[in-house]
Amino acid sequence: MVVEKSGTILRDFYSGDEGRDDSFTRLSEAEKGEVYRITSISDKQEDIQRLLPLNIIPGSKIELVENPSFGALMIRIGEDEIAISRNLASGIMVKSCQKNGRQRYRNRFNDYH
C-alpha cells in the first residue's frame, strides 16, 4: 500500500487469490457486469477529493453496472450506485475479481447435466 505524506492511500497492490489474471485495466475500459478490485487511483488532488468521500479507494470492490461508449459510467459499491465521469474513471486502475470464477461455475454446471 502506498500512502502520501497527507495520509491518502493511492495504491494497494492486492496480491489476491492464486490463478487470477494479474493484469490491471483502467475502469473506463473495463467490462460491464464484472466485479473489480480497485488497485490504484489518480494522484491528482481534485480527483482524490472526489473519490474518497464516495469510498472509491484502493482495495474496494466495485461492480461496473454501465459503461456506455460515451458519457458517465455507473458503478456499484455495496448497495450504492454511483455515476462517475469517464475522465475520472480513466484514472482508476482495477483488477478483475471473477475472471476464473465464472468459468469454474459453468464447468460444474455442465458436469451435472
Protein backbone atom coordinates (compact mmCIF):
# COMPACT_ATOMS: atom_id res chain seq x y z
CA MET A 1 0.00 0.00 0.00
CA VAL A 2 1.38 3.43 -0.93
CA VAL A 3 0.48 6.36 1.31
CA GLU A 4 1.22 10.03 0.63
CA LYS A 5 2.55 12.30 3.36
CA SER A 6 -1.00 13.60 3.80
CA GLY A 7 -2.15 10.05 4.60
CA THR A 8 -4.05 9.50 1.34
CA ILE A 9 -3.98 5.92 0.08
CA LEU A 10 -3.13 5.92 -3.63
CA ARG A 11 -2.29 2.30 -4.41
CA ASP A 12 -2.97 -1.07 -2.88
CA PHE A 13 -1.03 -3.84 -4.57
CA TYR A 14 -3.54 -6.53 -3.71
CA SER A 15 -1.93 -9.91 -4.17
CA GLY A 16 -5.20 -11.82 -4.25
CA ASP A 17 -6.02 -15.41 -4.99
CA GLU A 18 -3.75 -17.71 -6.97
CA GLY A 19 -4.65 -18.30 -10.60
CA ARG A 20 -6.31 -14.98 -11.22
CA ASP A 21 -5.22 -12.78 -14.09
CA ASP A 22 -2.67 -10.29 -12.75
CA SER A 23 -3.32 -7.67 -15.41
CA PHE A 24 -4.71 -4.29 -14.46
CA THR A 25 -7.02 -2.13 -16.55
CA ARG A 26 -8.49 1.34 -16.40
CA LEU A 27 -12.04 1.42 -15.06
CA SER A 28 -13.09 3.36 -18.16
CA GLU A 29 -12.02 0.36 -20.30
CA ALA A 30 -13.50 -2.35 -18.06
CA GLU A 31 -16.34 -4.71 -18.99
CA LYS A 32 -19.93 -4.09 -17.91
CA GLY A 33 -21.27 -6.55 -15.33
CA GLU A 34 -17.86 -7.57 -13.98
CA VAL A 35 -16.67 -7.17 -10.39
CA TYR A 36 -13.31 -5.48 -9.84
CA ARG A 37 -10.96 -4.57 -7.01
CA ILE A 38 -9.56 -1.04 -7.17
CA THR A 39 -5.76 -1.21 -7.25
CA SER A 40 -4.92 2.49 -7.57
CA ILE A 41 -6.50 5.90 -8.03
CA SER A 42 -5.31 9.10 -9.64
CA ASP A 43 -2.85 11.12 -7.60
CA LYS A 44 -4.42 14.43 -8.67
CA GLN A 45 -5.66 16.24 -5.57
CA GLU A 46 -9.03 17.16 -7.14
CA ASP A 47 -9.66 13.51 -8.13
CA ILE A 48 -8.77 12.28 -4.65
CA GLN A 49 -11.17 14.81 -3.10
CA ARG A 50 -13.98 13.47 -5.33
CA LEU A 51 -13.25 9.76 -4.88
CA LEU A 52 -12.55 9.41 -1.16
CA PRO A 53 -15.99 10.59 0.10
CA LEU A 54 -17.58 8.04 -2.27
CA ASN A 55 -15.44 5.27 -0.72
CA ILE A 56 -13.70 4.72 -4.07
CA ILE A 57 -10.33 3.78 -2.63
CA PRO A 58 -7.71 1.12 -3.36
CA GLY A 59 -8.81 -2.27 -2.07
CA SER A 60 -12.54 -1.58 -2.54
CA LYS A 61 -14.63 -3.98 -4.64
CA ILE A 62 -16.90 -2.43 -7.26
CA GLU A 63 -19.22 -3.67 -9.98
CA LEU A 64 -19.33 -1.87 -13.31
CA VAL A 65 -23.08 -1.54 -13.94
CA GLU A 66 -23.00 0.57 -17.12
CA ASN A 67 -20.14 1.53 -19.45
CA PRO A 68 -21.58 3.38 -22.43
CA SER A 69 -19.30 4.31 -25.32
CA PHE A 70 -19.54 7.94 -24.18
CA GLY A 71 -20.58 9.76 -21.02
CA ALA A 72 -20.57 8.73 -17.39
CA LEU A 73 -20.05 5.20 -16.05
CA MET A 74 -22.34 3.68 -13.44
CA ILE A 75 -20.67 1.65 -10.70
CA ARG A 76 -21.99 -0.20 -7.65
CA ILE A 77 -20.16 -0.12 -4.33
CA GLY A 78 -22.02 -2.20 -1.78
CA GLU A 79 -25.67 -1.12 -2.06
CA ASP A 80 -24.90 2.26 -3.66
CA GLU A 81 -24.88 3.02 -7.39
CA ILE A 82 -22.71 5.97 -8.36
CA ALA A 83 -22.19 7.73 -11.69
CA ILE A 84 -18.65 8.93 -12.35
CA SER A 85 -17.24 10.74 -15.35
CA ARG A 86 -15.25 8.84 -17.96
CA ASN A 87 -12.32 11.19 -17.30
CA LEU A 88 -12.33 10.38 -13.57
CA ALA A 89 -12.75 6.63 -14.30
CA SER A 90 -9.69 6.66 -16.57
CA GLY A 91 -7.54 7.46 -13.50
CA ILE A 92 -8.80 4.42 -11.57
CA MET A 93 -6.93 1.15 -12.12
CA VAL A 94 -8.78 -2.09 -11.39
CA LYS A 95 -8.19 -5.84 -11.35
CA SER A 96 -10.90 -8.38 -12.18
CA CYS A 97 -12.23 -10.41 -9.24
CA GLN A 98 -14.21 -13.02 -11.14
CA LYS A 99 -12.18 -13.94 -14.21
CA ASN A 100 -11.85 -17.63 -13.30
CA GLY A 101 -14.91 -17.87 -11.03
CA ARG A 102 -17.42 -17.79 -13.86
CA GLN A 103 -15.65 -20.50 -15.84
CA ARG A 104 -15.49 -22.82 -12.82
CA TYR A 105 -19.23 -22.39 -12.26
CA ARG A 106 -20.02 -23.20 -15.88
CA ASN A 107 -17.86 -26.30 -15.76
CA ARG A 108 -19.54 -27.56 -12.57
CA PHE A 109 -22.98 -26.92 -14.04
CA ASN A 110 -22.15 -28.82 -17.22
CA ASP A 111 -20.82 -31.80 -15.22
CA TYR A 112 -24.28 -32.41 -13.74
CA HIS A 113 -26.30 -32.17 -16.99
